[in-house]
Amino acid sequence: MKAQLLTMSTADGPFTILAQDGVVLASGWTAELGELTGQIHPQLRPAEVEAVADLGPISRAVEAFYAGDPAPAMAIPVLQRSGPFRAHAWDVLRTVRPGSPVTYTEYAGLSGNPKAVRAAASACAFNAAALFVPCHRVIRTDGSMGGFRWGLAIKQSLLAREARESLLAREAG
């Protein structure tokens, strides 16, 4: 089966998604497929890719995120493959509340091994499904951004957007 490729315009630039059967394989702030495929586990890389105009719920989740609702993106199925710690750590990232980033040390603890800070950082670095597995929600202990595959300006924008939306939600509720 062919994978589907969609590039959407966002406030942070082009956002490209590679999906198969409604499951995200890779995504990120680029218009270049080649910048996504290197992060996909070799066993999951599709042999054929076709450009599409819409990915249904996946597209709507990205639109919802940029409209202020990050929750739908966490409901989109994602397929990544790695060892047990990293796979679990990716699942844990999806539970980090928008507007409440965690440090790499806290993230390691949430992932079940407080001493595995480097392994937790590695899970962020090898995350192929940016936005849907929100590695941007992990920062350094000193509050600085740390790294982000798609650039620190985008990470800062995502965190600022989520902080605003979280504040608005608290004020409204």
C-alpha atoms as a PDB file:
ATOM      1  CA  MET A   1       0.000   0.000   0.000  1.00  0.00           C
ATOM      2  CA  LYS A   2       1.152   3.512  -0.760  1.00  0.00           C
ATOM      3  CA  ALA A   3       1.828   6.052   1.937  1.00  0.00           C
ATOM      4  CA  GLN A   4       0.193   9.457   1.646  1.00  0.00           C
ATOM      5  CA  LEU A   5       2.094  12.724   1.791  1.00  0.00           C
ATOM      6  CA  LEU A   6       0.578  16.076   2.640  1.00  0.00           C
ATOM      7  CA  THR A   7       2.215  19.450   3.199  1.00  0.00           C
ATOM      8  CA  MET A   8       0.081  21.976   5.057  1.00  0.00           C
ATOM      9  CA  SER A   9       0.690  25.675   5.613  1.00  0.00           C
ATOM     10  CA  THR A  10       0.973  26.613   9.278  1.00  0.00           C
ATOM     11  CA  ALA A  11       1.934  29.699  11.253  1.00  0.00           C
ATOM     12  CA  ASP A  12       5.332  28.022  11.713  1.00  0.00           C
ATOM     13  CA  GLY A  13       5.855  27.271   8.020  1.00  0.00           C
ATOM     14  CA  PRO A  14       5.183  24.197   5.911  1.00  0.00           C
ATOM     15  CA  PHE A  15       4.264  21.119   7.920  1.00  0.00           C
ATOM     16  CA  THR A  16       4.558  17.801   6.108  1.00  0.00           C
ATOM     17  CA  ILE A  17       2.955  14.539   7.170  1.00  0.00           C
ATOM     18  CA  LEU A  18       3.693  11.070   5.869  1.00  0.00           C
ATOM     19  CA  ALA A  19       0.913   8.651   6.792  1.00  0.00           C
ATOM     20  CA  GLN A  20      -0.320   5.206   5.884  1.00  0.00           C
ATOM     21  CA  ASP A  21      -3.825   3.912   6.542  1.00  0.00           C
ATOM     22  CA  GLY A  22      -4.603   6.891   8.811  1.00  0.00           C
ATOM     23  CA  VAL A  23      -1.463   6.381  10.924  1.00  0.00           C
ATOM     24  CA  VAL A  24       1.326   8.982  11.058  1.00  0.00           C
ATOM     25  CA  LEU A  25       4.751   7.594  10.167  1.00  0.00           C
ATOM     26  CA  ALA A  26       6.574  10.931  10.174  1.00  0.00           C
ATOM     27  CA  SER A  27       5.883  14.647  10.327  1.00  0.00           C
ATOM     28  CA  GLY A  28       7.733  17.906  10.683  1.00  0.00           C
ATOM     29  CA  TRP A  29       8.146  21.518   9.648  1.00  0.00           C
ATOM     30  CA  THR A  30       9.516  21.020   6.172  1.00  0.00           C
ATOM     31  CA  ALA A  31       8.244  20.708   2.618  1.00  0.00           C
ATOM     32  CA  GLU A  32      10.865  18.061   1.777  1.00  0.00           C
ATOM     33  CA  LEU A  33       9.960  14.371   2.049  1.00  0.00           C
ATOM     34  CA  GLY A  34      13.648  13.472   2.369  1.00  0.00           C
ATOM     35  CA  GLU A  35      13.874  15.392   5.631  1.00  0.00           C
ATOM     36  CA  LEU A  36      11.237  13.060   7.110  1.00  0.00           C
ATOM     37  CA  THR A  37      12.140   9.618   5.821  1.00  0.00           C
ATOM     38  CA  GLY A  38      15.518   9.395   7.574  1.00  0.00           C
ATOM     39  CA  GLN A  39      13.776   9.361  10.955  1.00  0.00           C
ATOM     40  CA  ILE A  40      11.485   6.457  10.045  1.00  0.00           C
ATOM     41  CA  HIS A  41      12.610   2.991  11.126  1.00  0.00           C
ATOM     42  CA  PRO A  42      13.820   1.143   7.978  1.00  0.00           C
ATOM     43  CA  GLN A  43      11.140  -1.552   8.385  1.00  0.00           C
ATOM     44  CA  LEU A  44       8.427   1.120   8.305  1.00  0.00           C
ATOM     45  CA  ARG A  45       9.650   3.181   5.341  1.00  0.00           C
ATOM     46  CA  PRO A  46       7.079   3.050   2.560  1.00  0.00           C
ATOM     47  CA  ALA A  47       8.142   1.887  -0.891  1.00  0.00           C
ATOM     48  CA  GLU A  48       5.687   4.230  -2.611  1.00  0.00           C
ATOM     49  CA  VAL A  49       4.388   7.659  -1.660  1.00  0.00           C
ATOM     50  CA  GLU A  50       1.567   9.651  -3.231  1.00  0.00           C
ATOM     51  CA  ALA A  51       0.767  13.299  -2.600  1.00  0.00           C
ATOM     52  CA  VAL A  52      -2.759  13.931  -1.354  1.00  0.00           C
ATOM     53  CA  ALA A  53      -4.846  17.042  -0.715  1.00  0.00           C
ATOM     54  CA  ASP A  54      -6.220  15.934   2.657  1.00  0.00           C
ATOM     55  CA  LEU A  55      -5.532  13.327   5.343  1.00  0.00           C
ATOM     56  CA  GLY A  56      -8.936  13.588   7.035  1.00  0.00           C
ATOM     57  CA  PRO A  57      -8.632  13.422  10.838  1.00  0.00           C
ATOM     58  CA  ILE A  58      -4.865  13.937  10.671  1.00  0.00           C
ATOM     59  CA  SER A  59      -5.248  17.192   8.735  1.00  0.00           C
ATOM     60  CA  ARG A  60      -8.026  18.330  11.051  1.00  0.00           C
ATOM     61  CA  ALA A  61      -5.829  17.621  14.100  1.00  0.00           C
ATOM     62  CA  VAL A  62      -3.089  19.899  12.741  1.00  0.00           C
ATOM     63  CA  GLU A  63      -5.663  22.607  11.991  1.00  0.00           C
ATOM     64  CA  ALA A  64      -7.107  22.214  15.509  1.00  0.00           C
ATOM     65  CA  PHE A  65      -3.636  22.530  17.053  1.00  0.00           C
ATOM     66  CA  TYR A  66      -3.023  25.805  15.250  1.00  0.00           C
ATOM     67  CA  ALA A  67      -6.536  26.986  16.168  1.00  0.00           C
ATOM     68  CA  GLY A  68      -5.705  26.468  19.857  1.00  0.00           C
ATOM     69  CA  ASP A  69      -6.752  22.878  20.576  1.00  0.00           C
ATOM     70  CA  PRO A  70      -3.801  20.453  20.815  1.00  0.00           C
ATOM     71  CA  ALA A  71      -5.899  17.519  22.086  1.00  0.00           C
ATOM     72  CA  PRO A  72      -6.934  16.034  18.697  1.00  0.00           C
ATOM     73  CA  ALA A  73      -3.275  15.560  17.700  1.00  0.00           C
ATOM     74  CA  MET A  74      -2.774  13.287  20.716  1.00  0.00           C
ATOM     75  CA  ALA A  75      -5.594  11.036  19.497  1.00  0.00           C
ATOM     76  CA  ILE A  76      -4.030  10.453  16.067  1.00  0.00           C
ATOM     77  CA  PRO A  77      -2.393   7.030  15.791  1.00  0.00           C
ATOM     78  CA  VAL A  78       1.369   7.086  15.298  1.00  0.00           C
ATOM     79  CA  LEU A  79       3.653   4.220  14.285  1.00  0.00           C
ATOM     80  CA  GLN A  80       7.315   4.348  15.296  1.00  0.00           C
ATOM     81  CA  ARG A  81       9.645   1.481  16.039  1.00  0.00           C
ATOM     82  CA  SER A  82      12.598   1.289  18.409  1.00  0.00           C
ATOM     83  CA  GLY A  83      13.681  -0.391  21.634  1.00  0.00           C
ATOM     84  CA  PRO A  84      11.386  -0.721  24.652  1.00  0.00           C
ATOM     85  CA  PHE A  85      12.548   2.391  26.549  1.00  0.00           C
ATOM     86  CA  ARG A  86      12.306   4.721  23.555  1.00  0.00           C
ATOM     87  CA  ALA A  87       8.931   3.327  22.441  1.00  0.00           C
ATOM     88  CA  HIS A  88       7.555   3.810  25.960  1.00  0.00           C
ATOM     89  CA  ALA A  89       9.120   7.276  26.186  1.00  0.00           C
ATOM     90  CA  TRP A  90       7.332   8.305  22.976  1.00  0.00           C
ATOM     91  CA  ASP A  91       4.019   7.193  24.495  1.00  0.00           C
ATOM     92  CA  VAL A  92       4.826   9.192  27.642  1.00  0.00           C
ATOM     93  CA  LEU A  93       5.439  12.340  25.579  1.00  0.00           C
ATOM     94  CA  ARG A  94       1.820  12.197  24.458  1.00  0.00           C
ATOM     95  CA  THR A  95       0.737  12.563  28.103  1.00  0.00           C
ATOM     96  CA  VAL A  96       2.724  15.751  28.815  1.00  0.00           C
ATOM     97  CA  ARG A  97       0.154  18.500  29.238  1.00  0.00           C
ATOM     98  CA  PRO A  98       0.256  21.375  26.723  1.00  0.00           C
ATOM     99  CA  GLY A  99       1.469  24.560  28.363  1.00  0.00           C
ATOM    100  CA  SER A 100       3.333  22.592  31.042  1.00  0.00           C
ATOM    101  CA  PRO A 101       6.667  21.515  29.570  1.00  0.00           C
ATOM    102  CA  VAL A 102       8.838  19.088  31.524  1.00  0.00           C
ATOM    103  CA  THR A 103      12.608  18.971  31.852  1.00  0.00           C
ATOM    104  CA  TYR A 104      14.643  16.161  30.352  1.00  0.00           C
ATOM    105  CA  THR A 105      15.205  14.888  33.914  1.00  0.00           C
ATOM    106  CA  GLU A 106      11.465  14.931  34.667  1.00  0.00           C
ATOM    107  CA  TYR A 107      10.785  13.258  31.326  1.00  0.00           C
ATOM    108  CA  ALA A 108      13.241  10.457  32.145  1.00  0.00           C
ATOM    109  CA  GLY A 109      11.422   9.951  35.454  1.00  0.00           C
ATOM    110  CA  LEU A 110       8.021   9.921  33.794  1.00  0.00           C
ATOM    111  CA  SER A 111       9.395   7.336  31.354  1.00  0.00           C
ATOM    112  CA  GLY A 112      10.286   5.043  34.230  1.00  0.00           C
ATOM    113  CA  ASN A 113      14.008   5.605  34.692  1.00  0.00           C
ATOM    114  CA  PRO A 114      15.008   8.890  36.363  1.00  0.00           C
ATOM    115  CA  LYS A 115      18.684   8.207  35.647  1.00  0.00           C
ATOM    116  CA  ALA A 116      18.125   7.753  31.904  1.00  0.00           C
ATOM    117  CA  VAL A 117      18.256  11.452  31.025  1.00  0.00           C
ATOM    118  CA  ARG A 118      20.391  10.854  27.916  1.00  0.00           C
ATOM    119  CA  ALA A 119      18.061   8.078  26.756  1.00  0.00           C
ATOM    120  CA  ALA A 120      15.092  10.391  27.232  1.00  0.00           C
ATOM    121  CA  ALA A 121      16.838  13.110  25.224  1.00  0.00           C
ATOM    122  CA  SER A 122      17.583  10.514  22.556  1.00  0.00           C
ATOM    123  CA  ALA A 123      13.882   9.608  22.387  1.00  0.00           C
ATOM    124  CA  CYS A 124      13.183  13.256  21.600  1.00  0.00           C
ATOM    125  CA  ALA A 125      15.965  13.405  19.012  1.00  0.00           C
ATOM    126  CA  PHE A 126      14.768  10.286  17.177  1.00  0.00           C
ATOM    127  CA  ASN A 127      11.061  11.109  17.292  1.00  0.00           C
ATOM    128  CA  ALA A 128       9.815  10.964  13.696  1.00  0.00           C
ATOM    129  CA  ALA A 129       6.271  12.193  14.407  1.00  0.00           C
ATOM    130  CA  ALA A 130       6.745  15.778  15.579  1.00  0.00           C
ATOM    131  CA  LEU A 131       3.594  17.510  16.865  1.00  0.00           C
ATOM    132  CA  PHE A 132       1.750  14.171  17.227  1.00  0.00           C
ATOM    133  CA  VAL A 133       4.454  13.018  19.663  1.00  0.00           C
ATOM    134  CA  PRO A 134       5.184  16.422  21.208  1.00  0.00           C
ATOM    135  CA  CYS A 135       8.916  16.321  21.910  1.00  0.00           C
ATOM    136  CA  HIS A 136       8.823  20.138  21.848  1.00  0.00           C
ATOM    137  CA  ARG A 137       7.341  19.924  25.375  1.00  0.00           C
ATOM    138  CA  VAL A 138      10.700  18.884  26.859  1.00  0.00           C
ATOM    139  CA  ILE A 139      13.158  21.577  27.947  1.00  0.00           C
ATOM    140  CA  ARG A 140      16.434  21.833  29.844  1.00  0.00           C
ATOM    141  CA  THR A 141      16.514  22.021  33.637  1.00  0.00           C
ATOM    142  CA  ASP A 142      17.605  25.675  33.456  1.00  0.00           C
ATOM    143  CA  GLY A 143      14.476  26.516  31.425  1.00  0.00           C
ATOM    144  CA  SER A 144      16.305  26.936  28.112  1.00  0.00           C
ATOM    145  CA  MET A 145      14.961  25.248  25.013  1.00  0.00           C
ATOM    146  CA  GLY A 146      17.489  22.477  24.510  1.00  0.00           C
ATOM    147  CA  GLY A 147      17.440  21.043  21.005  1.00  0.00           C
ATOM    148  CA  PHE A 148      14.701  20.576  18.436  1.00  0.00           C
ATOM    149  CA  ARG A 149      15.105  18.990  15.030  1.00  0.00           C
ATOM    150  CA  TRP A 150      12.958  21.632  13.347  1.00  0.00           C
ATOM    151  CA  GLY A 151      14.717  24.613  14.929  1.00  0.00           C
ATOM    152  CA  LEU A 152      14.519  26.424  18.219  1.00  0.00           C
ATOM    153  CA  ALA A 153      12.349  29.210  16.758  1.00  0.00           C
ATOM    154  CA  ILE A 154       9.617  26.669  15.960  1.00  0.00           C
ATOM    155  CA  LYS A 155       9.977  24.989  19.371  1.00  0.00           C
ATOM    156  CA  GLN A 156       9.643  28.378  21.074  1.00  0.00           C
ATOM    157  CA  SER A 157       6.596  29.204  18.932  1.00  0.00           C
ATOM    158  CA  LEU A 158       4.909  25.896  19.770  1.00  0.00           C
ATOM    159  CA  LEU A 159       5.553  26.277  23.490  1.00  0.00           C
ATOM    160  CA  ALA A 160       4.373  29.907  23.484  1.00  0.00           C
ATOM    161  CA  ARG A 161       1.193  28.931  21.586  1.00  0.00           C
ATOM    162  CA  GLU A 162       0.436  26.146  24.065  1.00  0.00           C
ATOM    163  CA  ALA A 163       1.171  28.383  27.073  1.00  0.00           C
ATOM    164  CA  ARG A 164      -1.254  31.036  25.732  1.00  0.00           C
ATOM    165  CA  GLU A 165      -3.978  28.478  25.092  1.00  0.00           C
ATOM    166  CA  SER A 166      -3.459  26.893  28.508  1.00  0.00           C
ATOM    167  CA  LEU A 167      -3.719  30.285  30.203  1.00  0.00           C
ATOM    168  CA  LEU A 168      -6.878  31.166  28.231  1.00  0.00           C
ATOM    169  CA  ALA A 169      -8.434  27.811  29.152  1.00  0.00           C
ATOM    170  CA  ARG A 170      -7.670  28.333  32.859  1.00  0.00           C
ATOM    171  CA  GLU A 171      -9.123  31.861  32.758  1.00  0.00           C
ATOM    172  CA  ALA A 172     -12.270  30.651  30.986  1.00  0.00           C
ATOM    173  CA  GLY A 173     -12.752  27.649  33.302  1.00  0.00           C
END
